[in-house]
Structure formats: structure tokens, C-alpha cells
Amino acid sequence: MKNNEKKLEASIFNILVLVIIYFLFTGIFPLFINIIIAKSTEIDLSIWLNVITVFSTNVIFLYAIKQYYNFEYYFGENINIKTIFLGIILAVALFGFFNYFLVPFLSKYINPNEYISQLESMKIFPLQNIVLTCLIAPLSEELFLRAYIVRGLYNKYNPFIAILVSSILFAVIHFNMIQGILAFIFGIAVGCLYLATGSIFSCIITHFLYNLFLYIAYSNFVLISF
């Protein structure tokens, strides 16, 4: 953190309120707009308009909290070979662990039908979903969940609270049991990466590559992403 910047602190209550606003403004609102647009436009156009709406609402939200709380995301801080390499290695490790061990294991005890059906619907518009899941989601979620929430909670409480709370919230916003468990572990790993390196860019790389690996691996079957 720069010496001339006011130290960012965030209470758990404040974080919960912001997460609700984030969900409503960047999730529910674009969905509502898309339903209205879809009634009067061709489906391909309405999907691209939805992508634009999601992107726009995320930019507005991230800019608004930046201005309101007077802090910087430091997108370009601590970018070097080491932090980039760590981001890549973490993405590969999580991809392997989740898809070759954890998901098959969880599927034995948790009915995966809701999870699979939700994700299969994303195959219908693959290009638009690449933009949403491999570009917009990694950027917006890492800037909000890690650069703001983890840092704010870390400064007010401690590293354990920062990573635990941010990971739980990251899991909750994914709305099904299997994906929620994966998101919780992912949040812990990426939260640790952020605190260890001080590089939000490395977290974005991990998130981007993880979603991209999954898209490539499952494009013939299902797109699984955070």
C-alpha cells in the first residue's frame, strides 16, 4: 500500500452489505434487463447486450466503491516473473485437484444434477460465455473479493478472518453445493496468494487460467467456471 493512501479497513457488516449490492446490481439487474431486451431483439443480439450490461454494471460498481472508500486496486503492483509464475502454477494445481479428485469425490455424496444442468446451459452461447467467465468474472471478482474485501478485512482484523470471510462469500454467490465447495477452496488459495505476493494481477491470472482450462477441457461437454 502506498504511504500517502488512507489505510483501507472494512468491517464484516460493511462487506455483507456490499456483497448484497454487488449481487443485485451486477447479477439480478443485468438478468432483468436481459429479459426485457430478449422480448424485442434477436437472441444473439440480446446475449451480447447482456454481456455489455454485465461488464458495465461491474465497472460502475468497482469504480463506485473505489471512489466512496478512497482506495486504489493497485492492478499493476508487484507484477513480476515470480508472481506471474505463482499465479499460473496455482491455476494448474487447482484445476488438477478439483477435476481429477474433488469433483468426482463430491459427486458420490452430493447430487450433481443441478450443478451440471446449470453449467450445461452455458454451452449454448460459447463465445459470449468465454467473455463472461474468462474475462469479466476474473477481473471483477478478484478486484472486489481480493483487492477490496481481503485487504479491507486484513487491515481491520487479521489474515485468517480476511481469507475465511472472503472465501465463504465467494462460495455463497455460486448458489449450488458442489460449485460452492470448489469456490470456497479456490477463495482460500487465491486469498493466500494475494496476501503472500501483494499482487492482484497474479490472482486474476489464476482465475482467468482456471476458467479457461475448464472451458477448453469441457467445451464438448460442459463449461464449469467460477
C-alpha atoms as a PDB file:
ATOM      1  CA  MET A   1       0.000   0.000   0.000  1.00  0.00           C
ATOM      2  CA  LYS A   2       1.228   3.460  -0.807  1.00  0.00           C
ATOM      3  CA  ASN A   3       2.283   5.613   2.122  1.00  0.00           C
ATOM      4  CA  ASN A   4       0.034   8.503   1.107  1.00  0.00           C
ATOM      5  CA  GLU A   5      -3.113   6.377   0.866  1.00  0.00           C
ATOM      6  CA  LYS A   6      -5.524   6.092   3.751  1.00  0.00           C
ATOM      7  CA  LYS A   7      -5.363   2.556   5.139  1.00  0.00           C
ATOM      8  CA  LEU A   8      -8.303   0.566   3.791  1.00  0.00           C
ATOM      9  CA  GLU A   9     -10.361  -1.120   6.510  1.00  0.00           C
ATOM     10  CA  ALA A  10     -13.688  -2.905   6.161  1.00  0.00           C
ATOM     11  CA  SER A  11     -15.997  -4.399   8.784  1.00  0.00           C
ATOM     12  CA  ILE A  12     -17.753  -7.703   8.223  1.00  0.00           C
ATOM     13  CA  PHE A  13     -21.136  -5.940   8.278  1.00  0.00           C
ATOM     14  CA  ASN A  14     -19.946  -3.454   5.655  1.00  0.00           C
ATOM     15  CA  ILE A  15     -18.689  -6.312   3.499  1.00  0.00           C
ATOM     16  CA  LEU A  16     -22.003  -8.192   3.739  1.00  0.00           C
ATOM     17  CA  VAL A  17     -23.925  -5.110   2.642  1.00  0.00           C
ATOM     18  CA  LEU A  18     -21.600  -4.577  -0.317  1.00  0.00           C
ATOM     19  CA  VAL A  19     -21.840  -8.212  -1.399  1.00  0.00           C
ATOM     20  CA  ILE A  20     -25.644  -7.961  -1.439  1.00  0.00           C
ATOM     21  CA  ILE A  21     -25.434  -4.771  -3.505  1.00  0.00           C
ATOM     22  CA  TYR A  22     -22.882  -6.415  -5.802  1.00  0.00           C
ATOM     23  CA  PHE A  23     -25.157  -9.414  -6.341  1.00  0.00           C
ATOM     24  CA  LEU A  24     -28.222  -7.295  -7.021  1.00  0.00           C
ATOM     25  CA  PHE A  25     -26.530  -4.729  -9.254  1.00  0.00           C
ATOM     26  CA  THR A  26     -24.181  -6.969 -11.281  1.00  0.00           C
ATOM     27  CA  GLY A  27     -26.273 -10.156 -11.207  1.00  0.00           C
ATOM     28  CA  ILE A  28     -30.009  -9.605 -10.841  1.00  0.00           C
ATOM     29  CA  PHE A  29     -30.197  -6.234 -12.601  1.00  0.00           C
ATOM     30  CA  PRO A  30     -28.481  -7.443 -15.845  1.00  0.00           C
ATOM     31  CA  LEU A  31     -30.720 -10.533 -15.797  1.00  0.00           C
ATOM     32  CA  PHE A  32     -33.815  -8.334 -15.515  1.00  0.00           C
ATOM     33  CA  ILE A  33     -32.587  -6.096 -18.342  1.00  0.00           C
ATOM     34  CA  ASN A  34     -31.823  -9.131 -20.489  1.00  0.00           C
ATOM     35  CA  ILE A  35     -35.357 -10.488 -20.026  1.00  0.00           C
ATOM     36  CA  ILE A  36     -36.784  -7.187 -21.250  1.00  0.00           C
ATOM     37  CA  ILE A  37     -34.361  -6.928 -24.189  1.00  0.00           C
ATOM     38  CA  ALA A  38     -34.904 -10.555 -25.243  1.00  0.00           C
ATOM     39  CA  LYS A  39     -38.574  -9.867 -25.888  1.00  0.00           C
ATOM     40  CA  SER A  40     -37.830  -7.372 -28.658  1.00  0.00           C
ATOM     41  CA  THR A  41     -34.486  -8.435 -30.156  1.00  0.00           C
ATOM     42  CA  GLU A  42     -32.897 -11.477 -31.746  1.00  0.00           C
ATOM     43  CA  ILE A  43     -31.396 -13.934 -29.282  1.00  0.00           C
ATOM     44  CA  ASP A  44     -27.769 -13.474 -30.414  1.00  0.00           C
ATOM     45  CA  LEU A  45     -28.033  -9.710 -30.078  1.00  0.00           C
ATOM     46  CA  SER A  46     -29.723  -9.935 -26.681  1.00  0.00           C
ATOM     47  CA  ILE A  47     -26.931 -12.176 -25.359  1.00  0.00           C
ATOM     48  CA  TRP A  48     -24.257  -9.702 -26.466  1.00  0.00           C
ATOM     49  CA  LEU A  49     -26.255  -6.851 -24.934  1.00  0.00           C
ATOM     50  CA  ASN A  50     -26.336  -8.876 -21.723  1.00  0.00           C
ATOM     51  CA  VAL A  51     -22.534  -9.188 -21.845  1.00  0.00           C
ATOM     52  CA  ILE A  52     -22.277  -5.414 -22.254  1.00  0.00           C
ATOM     53  CA  THR A  53     -24.699  -4.855 -19.371  1.00  0.00           C
ATOM     54  CA  VAL A  54     -22.787  -7.204 -17.069  1.00  0.00           C
ATOM     55  CA  PHE A  55     -19.498  -5.536 -17.982  1.00  0.00           C
ATOM     56  CA  SER A  56     -20.940  -2.048 -17.484  1.00  0.00           C
ATOM     57  CA  THR A  57     -22.517  -2.795 -14.099  1.00  0.00           C
ATOM     58  CA  ASN A  58     -19.266  -4.340 -12.839  1.00  0.00           C
ATOM     59  CA  VAL A  59     -17.245  -1.322 -13.960  1.00  0.00           C
ATOM     60  CA  ILE A  60     -19.719   1.063 -12.302  1.00  0.00           C
ATOM     61  CA  PHE A  61     -19.745  -0.926  -9.063  1.00  0.00           C
ATOM     62  CA  LEU A  62     -15.952  -1.226  -8.837  1.00  0.00           C
ATOM     63  CA  TYR A  63     -15.493   2.453  -9.643  1.00  0.00           C
ATOM     64  CA  ALA A  64     -18.156   3.456  -7.098  1.00  0.00           C
ATOM     65  CA  ILE A  65     -16.572   1.625  -4.159  1.00  0.00           C
ATOM     66  CA  LYS A  66     -13.137   2.884  -5.203  1.00  0.00           C
ATOM     67  CA  GLN A  67     -14.363   6.475  -5.081  1.00  0.00           C
ATOM     68  CA  TYR A  68     -16.509   6.080  -1.973  1.00  0.00           C
ATOM     69  CA  TYR A  69     -13.835   4.379   0.134  1.00  0.00           C
ATOM     70  CA  ASN A  70     -10.938   6.311  -1.424  1.00  0.00           C
ATOM     71  CA  PHE A  71      -8.617   3.416  -2.173  1.00  0.00           C
ATOM     72  CA  GLU A  72      -6.712   2.001  -5.130  1.00  0.00           C
ATOM     73  CA  TYR A  73      -6.880  -1.512  -6.593  1.00  0.00           C
ATOM     74  CA  TYR A  74      -3.149  -1.413  -7.459  1.00  0.00           C
ATOM     75  CA  PHE A  75      -3.754  -3.575 -10.522  1.00  0.00           C
ATOM     76  CA  GLY A  76      -0.164  -3.189 -11.689  1.00  0.00           C
ATOM     77  CA  GLU A  77       1.568  -3.617  -8.328  1.00  0.00           C
ATOM     78  CA  ASN A  78       4.093  -6.443  -7.802  1.00  0.00           C
ATOM     79  CA  ILE A  79       3.854  -7.780 -11.343  1.00  0.00           C
ATOM     80  CA  ASN A  80       6.991  -9.796 -11.983  1.00  0.00           C
ATOM     81  CA  ILE A  81       8.091 -13.212 -13.184  1.00  0.00           C
ATOM     82  CA  LYS A  82       7.691 -14.746  -9.730  1.00  0.00           C
ATOM     83  CA  THR A  83       4.118 -13.582  -9.098  1.00  0.00           C
ATOM     84  CA  ILE A  84       3.019 -14.460 -12.644  1.00  0.00           C
ATOM     85  CA  PHE A  85       4.599 -17.911 -12.309  1.00  0.00           C
ATOM     86  CA  LEU A  86       2.877 -18.476  -8.956  1.00  0.00           C
ATOM     87  CA  GLY A  87      -0.462 -17.492 -10.484  1.00  0.00           C
ATOM     88  CA  ILE A  88      -0.006 -19.951 -13.333  1.00  0.00           C
ATOM     89  CA  ILE A  89       1.141 -22.794 -11.069  1.00  0.00           C
ATOM     90  CA  LEU A  90      -1.808 -22.262  -8.726  1.00  0.00           C
ATOM     91  CA  ALA A  91      -4.279 -22.381 -11.620  1.00  0.00           C
ATOM     92  CA  VAL A  92      -2.805 -25.659 -12.870  1.00  0.00           C
ATOM     93  CA  ALA A  93      -2.760 -27.165  -9.362  1.00  0.00           C
ATOM     94  CA  LEU A  94      -6.374 -26.210  -8.622  1.00  0.00           C
ATOM     95  CA  PHE A  95      -7.554 -27.458 -11.994  1.00  0.00           C
ATOM     96  CA  GLY A  96      -5.925 -30.835 -11.461  1.00  0.00           C
ATOM     97  CA  PHE A  97      -7.043 -31.231  -7.844  1.00  0.00           C
ATOM     98  CA  PHE A  98     -10.653 -30.172  -8.441  1.00  0.00           C
ATOM     99  CA  ASN A  99     -11.355 -32.036 -11.646  1.00  0.00           C
ATOM    100  CA  TYR A 100      -9.440 -35.244 -11.125  1.00  0.00           C
ATOM    101  CA  PHE A 101     -10.147 -35.720  -7.429  1.00  0.00           C
ATOM    102  CA  LEU A 102     -12.532 -33.354  -5.640  1.00  0.00           C
ATOM    103  CA  VAL A 103     -15.417 -33.154  -8.135  1.00  0.00           C
ATOM    104  CA  PRO A 104     -15.581 -36.961  -8.661  1.00  0.00           C
ATOM    105  CA  PHE A 105     -15.390 -37.432  -4.877  1.00  0.00           C
ATOM    106  CA  LEU A 106     -18.126 -34.889  -4.095  1.00  0.00           C
ATOM    107  CA  SER A 107     -20.370 -36.320  -6.821  1.00  0.00           C
ATOM    108  CA  LYS A 108     -20.573 -39.564  -4.841  1.00  0.00           C
ATOM    109  CA  TYR A 109     -22.254 -37.794  -1.943  1.00  0.00           C
ATOM    110  CA  ILE A 110     -23.901 -34.716  -3.455  1.00  0.00           C
ATOM    111  CA  ASN A 111     -26.369 -34.916  -6.325  1.00  0.00           C
ATOM    112  CA  PRO A 112     -24.616 -33.064  -9.170  1.00  0.00           C
ATOM    113  CA  ASN A 113     -27.669 -32.728 -11.442  1.00  0.00           C
ATOM    114  CA  GLU A 114     -28.481 -29.138 -10.525  1.00  0.00           C
ATOM    115  CA  TYR A 115     -24.830 -28.203 -10.844  1.00  0.00           C
ATOM    116  CA  ILE A 116     -24.438 -29.889 -14.230  1.00  0.00           C
ATOM    117  CA  SER A 117     -27.720 -28.624 -15.695  1.00  0.00           C
ATOM    118  CA  GLN A 118     -26.880 -25.067 -14.681  1.00  0.00           C
ATOM    119  CA  LEU A 119     -23.494 -25.281 -16.346  1.00  0.00           C
ATOM    120  CA  GLU A 120     -24.667 -27.110 -19.462  1.00  0.00           C
ATOM    121  CA  SER A 121     -26.893 -24.152 -20.322  1.00  0.00           C
ATOM    122  CA  MET A 122     -23.737 -22.103 -20.799  1.00  0.00           C
ATOM    123  CA  LYS A 123     -22.705 -24.147 -23.846  1.00  0.00           C
ATOM    124  CA  ILE A 124     -25.435 -22.586 -25.953  1.00  0.00           C
ATOM    125  CA  PHE A 125     -23.517 -19.328 -26.464  1.00  0.00           C
ATOM    126  CA  PRO A 126     -19.843 -20.330 -26.095  1.00  0.00           C
ATOM    127  CA  LEU A 127     -18.229 -17.099 -27.317  1.00  0.00           C
ATOM    128  CA  GLN A 128     -20.309 -14.863 -25.099  1.00  0.00           C
ATOM    129  CA  ASN A 129     -19.681 -17.149 -22.132  1.00  0.00           C
ATOM    130  CA  ILE A 130     -15.931 -17.072 -22.716  1.00  0.00           C
ATOM    131  CA  VAL A 131     -16.099 -13.285 -22.373  1.00  0.00           C
ATOM    132  CA  LEU A 132     -18.253 -13.521 -19.255  1.00  0.00           C
ATOM    133  CA  THR A 133     -16.428 -16.320 -17.446  1.00  0.00           C
ATOM    134  CA  CYS A 134     -12.838 -15.925 -18.624  1.00  0.00           C
ATOM    135  CA  LEU A 135     -12.561 -12.125 -18.788  1.00  0.00           C
ATOM    136  CA  ILE A 136     -15.267 -10.261 -16.883  1.00  0.00           C
ATOM    137  CA  ALA A 137     -15.602 -12.667 -13.932  1.00  0.00           C
ATOM    138  CA  PRO A 138     -11.871 -12.962 -13.120  1.00  0.00           C
ATOM    139  CA  LEU A 139     -11.357  -9.207 -13.331  1.00  0.00           C
ATOM    140  CA  SER A 140     -14.418  -8.086 -11.383  1.00  0.00           C
ATOM    141  CA  GLU A 141     -14.432 -10.834  -8.761  1.00  0.00           C
ATOM    142  CA  GLU A 142     -10.726 -10.591  -7.977  1.00  0.00           C
ATOM    143  CA  LEU A 143     -10.804  -6.802  -7.752  1.00  0.00           C
ATOM    144  CA  PHE A 144     -13.818  -6.914  -5.427  1.00  0.00           C
ATOM    145  CA  LEU A 145     -13.255 -10.138  -3.448  1.00  0.00           C
ATOM    146  CA  ARG A 146      -9.499  -9.910  -3.088  1.00  0.00           C
ATOM    147  CA  ALA A 147      -8.283  -6.336  -3.699  1.00  0.00           C
ATOM    148  CA  TYR A 148     -11.090  -4.795  -1.635  1.00  0.00           C
ATOM    149  CA  ILE A 149     -12.551  -7.433   0.716  1.00  0.00           C
ATOM    150  CA  VAL A 150      -9.419  -9.392   1.619  1.00  0.00           C
ATOM    151  CA  ARG A 151      -7.319  -6.256   2.035  1.00  0.00           C
ATOM    152  CA  GLY A 152     -10.018  -4.413   3.970  1.00  0.00           C
ATOM    153  CA  LEU A 153     -10.639  -7.300   6.369  1.00  0.00           C
ATOM    154  CA  TYR A 154      -6.909  -7.965   6.725  1.00  0.00           C
ATOM    155  CA  ASN A 155      -6.276  -4.385   7.803  1.00  0.00           C
ATOM    156  CA  LYS A 156      -9.186  -4.357  10.280  1.00  0.00           C
ATOM    157  CA  TYR A 157      -8.920  -7.889  11.669  1.00  0.00           C
ATOM    158  CA  ASN A 158      -6.276 -10.446  10.659  1.00  0.00           C
ATOM    159  CA  PRO A 159      -5.288 -12.690   7.724  1.00  0.00           C
ATOM    160  CA  PHE A 160      -7.423 -15.623   8.945  1.00  0.00           C
ATOM    161  CA  ILE A 161     -10.633 -13.578   9.103  1.00  0.00           C
ATOM    162  CA  ALA A 162      -9.863 -11.904   5.778  1.00  0.00           C
ATOM    163  CA  ILE A 163      -9.396 -15.150   3.878  1.00  0.00           C
ATOM    164  CA  LEU A 164     -12.177 -17.071   5.649  1.00  0.00           C
ATOM    165  CA  VAL A 165     -14.896 -14.441   5.216  1.00  0.00           C
ATOM    166  CA  SER A 166     -13.973 -13.640   1.599  1.00  0.00           C
ATOM    167  CA  SER A 167     -13.911 -17.351   0.736  1.00  0.00           C
ATOM    168  CA  ILE A 168     -17.295 -18.020   2.349  1.00  0.00           C
ATOM    169  CA  LEU A 169     -18.833 -15.103   0.449  1.00  0.00           C
ATOM    170  CA  PHE A 170     -17.208 -16.294  -2.777  1.00  0.00           C
ATOM    171  CA  ALA A 171     -18.766 -19.727  -2.201  1.00  0.00           C
ATOM    172  CA  VAL A 172     -22.218 -18.375  -1.348  1.00  0.00           C
ATOM    173  CA  ILE A 173     -22.577 -16.344  -4.553  1.00  0.00           C
ATOM    174  CA  HIS A 174     -22.208 -19.518  -6.638  1.00  0.00           C
ATOM    175  CA  PHE A 175     -25.543 -20.961  -5.466  1.00  0.00           C
ATOM    176  CA  ASN A 176     -25.012 -24.723  -5.582  1.00  0.00           C
ATOM    177  CA  MET A 177     -23.299 -27.097  -3.220  1.00  0.00           C
ATOM    178  CA  ILE A 178     -20.544 -28.563  -5.394  1.00  0.00           C
ATOM    179  CA  GLN A 179     -19.536 -25.324  -7.047  1.00  0.00           C
ATOM    180  CA  GLY A 180     -19.766 -23.585  -3.679  1.00  0.00           C
ATOM    181  CA  ILE A 181     -17.286 -26.014  -2.113  1.00  0.00           C
ATOM    182  CA  LEU A 182     -14.909 -25.558  -5.030  1.00  0.00           C
ATOM    183  CA  ALA A 183     -15.267 -21.771  -4.824  1.00  0.00           C
ATOM    184  CA  PHE A 184     -14.573 -21.828  -1.077  1.00  0.00           C
ATOM    185  CA  ILE A 185     -11.293 -23.718  -1.546  1.00  0.00           C
ATOM    186  CA  PHE A 186     -10.439 -21.576  -4.558  1.00  0.00           C
ATOM    187  CA  GLY A 187     -11.045 -18.450  -2.476  1.00  0.00           C
ATOM    188  CA  ILE A 188      -8.719 -19.671   0.271  1.00  0.00           C
ATOM    189  CA  ALA A 189      -5.960 -20.473  -2.226  1.00  0.00           C
ATOM    190  CA  VAL A 190      -6.220 -17.204  -4.142  1.00  0.00           C
ATOM    191  CA  GLY A 191      -6.621 -15.190  -0.941  1.00  0.00           C
ATOM    192  CA  CYS A 192      -3.367 -16.666   0.343  1.00  0.00           C
ATOM    193  CA  LEU A 193      -1.740 -15.900  -2.991  1.00  0.00           C
ATOM    194  CA  TYR A 194      -2.839 -12.268  -2.748  1.00  0.00           C
ATOM    195  CA  LEU A 195      -1.578 -11.786   0.796  1.00  0.00           C
ATOM    196  CA  ALA A 196       1.685 -13.587   0.019  1.00  0.00           C
ATOM    197  CA  THR A 197       2.507 -11.684  -3.174  1.00  0.00           C
ATOM    198  CA  GLY A 198       0.611  -8.397  -2.826  1.00  0.00           C
ATOM    199  CA  SER A 199      -0.279  -8.846  -6.494  1.00  0.00           C
ATOM    200  CA  ILE A 200      -3.910  -8.742  -7.564  1.00  0.00           C
ATOM    201  CA  PHE A 201      -2.702  -9.396 -11.106  1.00  0.00           C
ATOM    202  CA  SER A 202      -1.444 -12.841 -10.092  1.00  0.00           C
ATOM    203  CA  CYS A 203      -4.901 -13.630  -8.659  1.00  0.00           C
ATOM    204  CA  ILE A 204      -6.554 -12.542 -11.903  1.00  0.00           C
ATOM    205  CA  ILE A 205      -4.166 -14.776 -13.853  1.00  0.00           C
ATOM    206  CA  THR A 206      -5.081 -17.761 -11.654  1.00  0.00           C
ATOM    207  CA  HIS A 207      -8.803 -17.102 -12.033  1.00  0.00           C
ATOM    208  CA  PHE A 208      -8.566 -16.475 -15.781  1.00  0.00           C
ATOM    209  CA  LEU A 209      -6.453 -19.566 -16.479  1.00  0.00           C
ATOM    210  CA  TYR A 210      -8.543 -21.819 -14.268  1.00  0.00           C
ATOM    211  CA  ASN A 211     -11.751 -20.877 -16.069  1.00  0.00           C
ATOM    212  CA  LEU A 212     -10.013 -21.094 -19.442  1.00  0.00           C
ATOM    213  CA  PHE A 213      -8.613 -24.565 -18.690  1.00  0.00           C
ATOM    214  CA  LEU A 214     -12.075 -25.737 -17.736  1.00  0.00           C
ATOM    215  CA  TYR A 215     -13.624 -24.286 -20.849  1.00  0.00           C
ATOM    216  CA  ILE A 216     -11.071 -25.985 -23.077  1.00  0.00           C
ATOM    217  CA  ALA A 217     -11.289 -29.298 -21.212  1.00  0.00           C
ATOM    218  CA  TYR A 218     -15.076 -29.436 -21.028  1.00  0.00           C
ATOM    219  CA  SER A 219     -16.135 -27.497 -24.118  1.00  0.00           C
ATOM    220  CA  ASN A 220     -17.521 -30.660 -25.683  1.00  0.00           C
ATOM    221  CA  PHE A 221     -19.471 -31.447 -22.520  1.00  0.00           C
ATOM    222  CA  VAL A 222     -19.981 -28.607 -20.082  1.00  0.00           C
ATOM    223  CA  LEU A 223     -18.451 -25.261 -19.187  1.00  0.00           C
ATOM    224  CA  ILE A 224     -17.576 -25.221 -15.496  1.00  0.00           C
ATOM    225  CA  SER A 225     -16.317 -21.977 -14.042  1.00  0.00           C
ATOM    226  CA  PHE A 226     -16.392 -19.645 -11.086  1.00  0.00           C
END
